[in-house]
Amino acid sequence: MSLRRLRPGRGFTLVELLVVISIITILATLTVTAAFKVKASMTIRTARGSGMRLAQAIEAYQVLVGFLPVQVLYNAENDADADYENWDLVSQVNGVMNRDQLLKIEAKELNPAGSFKDPWGRPFRVWMWKENSGDALNKFFQVYSCGPNMRWQKGWESGKRPADPVTCDDIVPRH
């Protein structure tokens, strides 16, 4: 019986295996990072689309009725951000003249209070303002989401970007 000799050069060395494992790890890390960026981008795109739907429903309400819906539950100057809900606005928009709903909402798009929420679970904010301070009704509005950091940024009240747009991640759909 003779023992077969292992020929040198057969198989991989430890260094070669470590290099291959390192390359696979780097590629996997890049793939996972890219997947998370795509998911974040899609969430922002969903927020913009949902905000656009709400804005279009409010515009349709304004065309049908002649004025913007009245927000009765929230006073932007005195109430805390955590108190904001938009269910009163949504119910007005959807209750116009016994027509089909202007804003079709699935149950998963509502929070427990019945407000239309963004993908992060906070209600879409609707700012309304008047052209002149003496006007009885609001003439303009802006819909926006709190964004991924789930905090409202100050400055949107006037319909303009906040003073520090770099730290602001609020999402304002174009309409």
C-alpha atoms as a PDB file:
ATOM      1  CA  MET A   1       0.000   0.000   0.000  1.00  0.00           C
ATOM      2  CA  SER A   2       1.349   3.272  -0.974  1.00  0.00           C
ATOM      3  CA  LEU A   3       0.128   6.533   0.282  1.00  0.00           C
ATOM      4  CA  ARG A   4      -0.642   8.986  -2.403  1.00  0.00           C
ATOM      5  CA  ARG A   5       1.235  12.132  -2.154  1.00  0.00           C
ATOM      6  CA  LEU A   6      -0.592  15.417  -2.285  1.00  0.00           C
ATOM      7  CA  ARG A   7       0.655  17.394  -5.132  1.00  0.00           C
ATOM      8  CA  PRO A   8       1.649  20.915  -4.329  1.00  0.00           C
ATOM      9  CA  GLY A   9      -0.500  23.510  -6.081  1.00  0.00           C
ATOM     10  CA  ARG A  10      -3.744  21.587  -5.709  1.00  0.00           C
ATOM     11  CA  GLY A  11      -6.515  23.482  -3.893  1.00  0.00           C
ATOM     12  CA  PHE A  12      -6.579  27.019  -2.621  1.00  0.00           C
ATOM     13  CA  THR A  13      -4.350  28.640  -0.112  1.00  0.00           C
ATOM     14  CA  LEU A  14      -5.713  30.306   2.981  1.00  0.00           C
ATOM     15  CA  VAL A  15      -4.839  33.738   1.606  1.00  0.00           C
ATOM     16  CA  GLU A  16      -6.776  33.087  -1.597  1.00  0.00           C
ATOM     17  CA  LEU A  17      -9.833  31.960   0.379  1.00  0.00           C
ATOM     18  CA  LEU A  18      -9.674  35.056   2.596  1.00  0.00           C
ATOM     19  CA  VAL A  19      -9.457  37.334  -0.446  1.00  0.00           C
ATOM     20  CA  VAL A  20     -12.526  35.686  -2.020  1.00  0.00           C
ATOM     21  CA  ILE A  21     -14.478  35.881   1.243  1.00  0.00           C
ATOM     22  CA  SER A  22     -13.514  39.571   1.617  1.00  0.00           C
ATOM     23  CA  ILE A  23     -14.683  40.364  -1.914  1.00  0.00           C
ATOM     24  CA  ILE A  24     -17.996  38.563  -1.355  1.00  0.00           C
ATOM     25  CA  THR A  25     -18.493  40.451   1.940  1.00  0.00           C
ATOM     26  CA  ILE A  26     -17.826  43.812   0.274  1.00  0.00           C
ATOM     27  CA  LEU A  27     -20.249  43.027  -2.561  1.00  0.00           C
ATOM     28  CA  ALA A  28     -22.938  41.892  -0.096  1.00  0.00           C
ATOM     29  CA  THR A  29     -22.499  45.085   1.935  1.00  0.00           C
ATOM     30  CA  LEU A  30     -22.839  47.240  -1.172  1.00  0.00           C
ATOM     31  CA  THR A  31     -25.960  45.327  -2.253  1.00  0.00           C
ATOM     32  CA  VAL A  32     -27.663  45.645   1.132  1.00  0.00           C
ATOM     33  CA  THR A  33     -26.818  49.360   1.329  1.00  0.00           C
ATOM     34  CA  ALA A  34     -28.245  49.940  -2.143  1.00  0.00           C
ATOM     35  CA  ALA A  35     -31.404  48.005  -1.240  1.00  0.00           C
ATOM     36  CA  PHE A  36     -31.976  50.188   1.836  1.00  0.00           C
ATOM     37  CA  LYS A  37     -31.481  53.349  -0.228  1.00  0.00           C
ATOM     38  CA  VAL A  38     -34.018  52.127  -2.771  1.00  0.00           C
ATOM     39  CA  LYS A  39     -36.492  51.324   0.018  1.00  0.00           C
ATOM     40  CA  ALA A  40     -36.042  54.800   1.540  1.00  0.00           C
ATOM     41  CA  SER A  41     -36.457  56.388  -1.887  1.00  0.00           C
ATOM     42  CA  MET A  42     -39.655  54.419  -2.531  1.00  0.00           C
ATOM     43  CA  THR A  43     -41.055  55.436   0.862  1.00  0.00           C
ATOM     44  CA  ILE A  44     -40.424  59.099   0.037  1.00  0.00           C
ATOM     45  CA  ARG A  45     -42.000  58.594  -3.389  1.00  0.00           C
ATOM     46  CA  THR A  46     -45.045  56.993  -1.713  1.00  0.00           C
ATOM     47  CA  ALA A  47     -45.318  59.968   0.653  1.00  0.00           C
ATOM     48  CA  ARG A  48     -45.188  62.410  -2.261  1.00  0.00           C
ATOM     49  CA  GLY A  49     -47.833  60.453  -4.160  1.00  0.00           C
ATOM     50  CA  SER A  50     -50.178  60.228  -1.176  1.00  0.00           C
ATOM     51  CA  GLY A  51     -49.688  63.917  -0.389  1.00  0.00           C
ATOM     52  CA  MET A  52     -50.451  64.712  -4.020  1.00  0.00           C
ATOM     53  CA  ARG A  53     -53.682  62.706  -3.782  1.00  0.00           C
ATOM     54  CA  LEU A  54     -54.728  64.710  -0.719  1.00  0.00           C
ATOM     55  CA  ALA A  55     -53.822  68.005  -2.424  1.00  0.00           C
ATOM     56  CA  GLN A  56     -55.800  67.081  -5.540  1.00  0.00           C
ATOM     57  CA  ALA A  57     -58.812  66.105  -3.424  1.00  0.00           C
ATOM     58  CA  ILE A  58     -58.667  69.472  -1.632  1.00  0.00           C
ATOM     59  CA  GLU A  59     -58.429  71.280  -4.978  1.00  0.00           C
ATOM     60  CA  ALA A  60     -61.414  69.298  -6.298  1.00  0.00           C
ATOM     61  CA  TYR A  61     -63.343  70.224  -3.145  1.00  0.00           C
ATOM     62  CA  GLN A  62     -62.473  73.881  -3.714  1.00  0.00           C
ATOM     63  CA  VAL A  63     -63.732  73.692  -7.311  1.00  0.00           C
ATOM     64  CA  LEU A  64     -67.004  71.979  -6.301  1.00  0.00           C
ATOM     65  CA  VAL A  65     -67.805  74.084  -3.250  1.00  0.00           C
ATOM     66  CA  GLY A  66     -66.035  77.344  -4.013  1.00  0.00           C
ATOM     67  CA  PHE A  67     -63.794  77.479  -0.940  1.00  0.00           C
ATOM     68  CA  LEU A  68     -61.259  75.366   0.929  1.00  0.00           C
ATOM     69  CA  PRO A  69     -62.370  72.976   3.669  1.00  0.00           C
ATOM     70  CA  VAL A  70     -62.327  74.437   7.163  1.00  0.00           C
ATOM     71  CA  GLN A  71     -59.884  73.016   9.682  1.00  0.00           C
ATOM     72  CA  VAL A  72     -61.662  73.172  12.996  1.00  0.00           C
ATOM     73  CA  LEU A  73     -59.662  70.839  15.200  1.00  0.00           C
ATOM     74  CA  TYR A  74     -56.176  72.309  15.059  1.00  0.00           C
ATOM     75  CA  ASN A  75     -54.811  75.759  15.762  1.00  0.00           C
ATOM     76  CA  ALA A  76     -51.279  75.880  14.353  1.00  0.00           C
ATOM     77  CA  GLU A  77     -50.245  78.764  16.580  1.00  0.00           C
ATOM     78  CA  ASN A  78     -51.312  77.248  19.902  1.00  0.00           C
ATOM     79  CA  ASP A  79     -51.549  73.447  19.572  1.00  0.00           C
ATOM     80  CA  ALA A  80     -48.627  71.040  19.840  1.00  0.00           C
ATOM     81  CA  ASP A  81     -47.480  69.069  16.808  1.00  0.00           C
ATOM     82  CA  ALA A  82     -48.477  65.807  18.471  1.00  0.00           C
ATOM     83  CA  ASP A  83     -52.095  67.044  18.608  1.00  0.00           C
ATOM     84  CA  TYR A  84     -52.391  67.472  14.849  1.00  0.00           C
ATOM     85  CA  GLU A  85     -54.937  65.284  13.062  1.00  0.00           C
ATOM     86  CA  ASN A  86     -56.486  65.726   9.610  1.00  0.00           C
ATOM     87  CA  TRP A  87     -59.567  63.489   9.842  1.00  0.00           C
ATOM     88  CA  ASP A  88     -61.930  66.488   9.946  1.00  0.00           C
ATOM     89  CA  LEU A  89     -60.471  67.799   6.695  1.00  0.00           C
ATOM     90  CA  VAL A  90     -60.611  64.368   5.022  1.00  0.00           C
ATOM     91  CA  SER A  91     -64.231  63.840   6.077  1.00  0.00           C
ATOM     92  CA  GLN A  92     -65.183  67.246   4.628  1.00  0.00           C
ATOM     93  CA  VAL A  93     -63.418  66.490   1.348  1.00  0.00           C
ATOM     94  CA  ASN A  94     -65.108  63.088   1.080  1.00  0.00           C
ATOM     95  CA  GLY A  95     -68.531  64.305   2.154  1.00  0.00           C
ATOM     96  CA  VAL A  96     -69.124  66.758  -0.689  1.00  0.00           C
ATOM     97  CA  MET A  97     -72.637  66.846  -2.152  1.00  0.00           C
ATOM     98  CA  ASN A  98     -73.281  63.092  -2.018  1.00  0.00           C
ATOM     99  CA  ARG A  99     -70.735  62.478  -4.762  1.00  0.00           C
ATOM    100  CA  ASP A 100     -68.137  59.749  -4.926  1.00  0.00           C
ATOM    101  CA  GLN A 101     -65.308  60.255  -2.497  1.00  0.00           C
ATOM    102  CA  LEU A 102     -62.726  62.736  -3.732  1.00  0.00           C
ATOM    103  CA  LEU A 103     -59.994  60.992  -1.755  1.00  0.00           C
ATOM    104  CA  LYS A 104     -60.150  57.223  -1.844  1.00  0.00           C
ATOM    105  CA  ILE A 105     -58.335  55.914   1.214  1.00  0.00           C
ATOM    106  CA  GLU A 106     -57.598  52.331   2.211  1.00  0.00           C
ATOM    107  CA  ALA A 107     -57.839  51.334   5.869  1.00  0.00           C
ATOM    108  CA  LYS A 108     -54.046  50.898   6.113  1.00  0.00           C
ATOM    109  CA  GLU A 109     -53.602  54.581   5.173  1.00  0.00           C
ATOM    110  CA  LEU A 110     -55.495  55.761   8.267  1.00  0.00           C
ATOM    111  CA  ASN A 111     -54.161  56.094  11.784  1.00  0.00           C
ATOM    112  CA  PRO A 112     -56.275  55.057  14.810  1.00  0.00           C
ATOM    113  CA  ALA A 113     -57.829  58.557  14.984  1.00  0.00           C
ATOM    114  CA  GLY A 114     -58.961  58.275  11.345  1.00  0.00           C
ATOM    115  CA  SER A 115     -56.434  60.719   9.871  1.00  0.00           C
ATOM    116  CA  PHE A 116     -54.785  60.160   6.494  1.00  0.00           C
ATOM    117  CA  LYS A 117     -51.205  59.265   7.400  1.00  0.00           C
ATOM    118  CA  ASP A 118     -47.868  59.337   5.636  1.00  0.00           C
ATOM    119  CA  PRO A 119     -45.697  56.196   5.347  1.00  0.00           C
ATOM    120  CA  TRP A 120     -44.094  56.993   8.721  1.00  0.00           C
ATOM    121  CA  GLY A 121     -47.450  56.961  10.519  1.00  0.00           C
ATOM    122  CA  ARG A 122     -47.890  60.713  11.089  1.00  0.00           C
ATOM    123  CA  PRO A 123     -50.915  62.561   9.653  1.00  0.00           C
ATOM    124  CA  PHE A 124     -50.268  64.661   6.567  1.00  0.00           C
ATOM    125  CA  ARG A 125     -50.152  68.295   7.591  1.00  0.00           C
ATOM    126  CA  VAL A 126     -52.277  70.779   5.668  1.00  0.00           C
ATOM    127  CA  TRP A 127     -51.368  74.437   6.098  1.00  0.00           C
ATOM    128  CA  MET A 128     -53.932  76.957   4.912  1.00  0.00           C
ATOM    129  CA  TRP A 129     -53.547  80.698   4.742  1.00  0.00           C
ATOM    130  CA  LYS A 130     -55.371  83.774   3.503  1.00  0.00           C
ATOM    131  CA  GLU A 131     -54.334  86.162   0.777  1.00  0.00           C
ATOM    132  CA  ASN A 132     -55.108  89.165   3.008  1.00  0.00           C
ATOM    133  CA  SER A 133     -55.438  89.153   6.765  1.00  0.00           C
ATOM    134  CA  GLY A 134     -58.973  90.575   6.492  1.00  0.00           C
ATOM    135  CA  ASP A 135     -60.256  87.720   4.316  1.00  0.00           C
ATOM    136  CA  ALA A 136     -62.865  85.469   5.908  1.00  0.00           C
ATOM    137  CA  LEU A 137     -61.741  82.224   4.232  1.00  0.00           C
ATOM    138  CA  ASN A 138     -58.377  80.655   3.482  1.00  0.00           C
ATOM    139  CA  LYS A 139     -57.364  80.895  -0.137  1.00  0.00           C
ATOM    140  CA  PHE A 140     -54.146  78.882  -0.320  1.00  0.00           C
ATOM    141  CA  PHE A 141     -52.979  75.593   1.116  1.00  0.00           C
ATOM    142  CA  GLN A 142     -49.963  73.318   1.227  1.00  0.00           C
ATOM    143  CA  VAL A 143     -49.866  69.608   2.064  1.00  0.00           C
ATOM    144  CA  TYR A 144     -46.727  68.078   3.495  1.00  0.00           C
ATOM    145  CA  SER A 145     -45.383  65.104   5.385  1.00  0.00           C
ATOM    146  CA  CYS A 146     -43.038  65.186   8.366  1.00  0.00           C
ATOM    147  CA  GLY A 147     -40.538  63.010   6.479  1.00  0.00           C
ATOM    148  CA  PRO A 148     -38.274  60.211   7.653  1.00  0.00           C
ATOM    149  CA  ASN A 149     -37.202  61.905  10.887  1.00  0.00           C
ATOM    150  CA  MET A 150     -40.908  62.093  11.879  1.00  0.00           C
ATOM    151  CA  ARG A 151     -40.527  65.659  13.224  1.00  0.00           C
ATOM    152  CA  TRP A 152     -42.208  68.735  11.835  1.00  0.00           C
ATOM    153  CA  GLN A 153     -39.906  71.525  10.750  1.00  0.00           C
ATOM    154  CA  LYS A 154     -40.879  75.126  11.387  1.00  0.00           C
ATOM    155  CA  GLY A 155     -41.206  77.487   8.455  1.00  0.00           C
ATOM    156  CA  TRP A 156     -43.761  75.874   6.131  1.00  0.00           C
ATOM    157  CA  GLU A 157     -46.550  77.998   7.616  1.00  0.00           C
ATOM    158  CA  SER A 158     -46.053  80.699   5.010  1.00  0.00           C
ATOM    159  CA  GLY A 159     -45.927  78.208   2.146  1.00  0.00           C
ATOM    160  CA  LYS A 160     -42.173  78.737   1.719  1.00  0.00           C
ATOM    161  CA  ARG A 161     -39.210  76.535   2.537  1.00  0.00           C
ATOM    162  CA  PRO A 162     -37.938  76.747   6.123  1.00  0.00           C
ATOM    163  CA  ALA A 163     -34.932  78.915   6.921  1.00  0.00           C
ATOM    164  CA  ASP A 164     -32.679  75.860   7.226  1.00  0.00           C
ATOM    165  CA  PRO A 165     -33.640  73.523   4.371  1.00  0.00           C
ATOM    166  CA  VAL A 166     -30.510  71.417   4.873  1.00  0.00           C
ATOM    167  CA  THR A 167     -31.756  69.873   8.115  1.00  0.00           C
ATOM    168  CA  CYS A 168     -35.349  69.832   6.898  1.00  0.00           C
ATOM    169  CA  ASP A 169     -36.553  66.490   5.593  1.00  0.00           C
ATOM    170  CA  ASP A 170     -40.245  67.378   5.348  1.00  0.00           C
ATOM    171  CA  ILE A 171     -41.766  66.234   2.075  1.00  0.00           C
ATOM    172  CA  VAL A 172     -43.871  68.678   0.111  1.00  0.00           C
ATOM    173  CA  PRO A 173     -45.589  67.160  -2.921  1.00  0.00           C
ATOM    174  CA  ARG A 174     -45.748  69.374  -5.963  1.00  0.00           C
ATOM    175  CA  HIS A 175     -49.285  70.268  -6.972  1.00  0.00           C
END
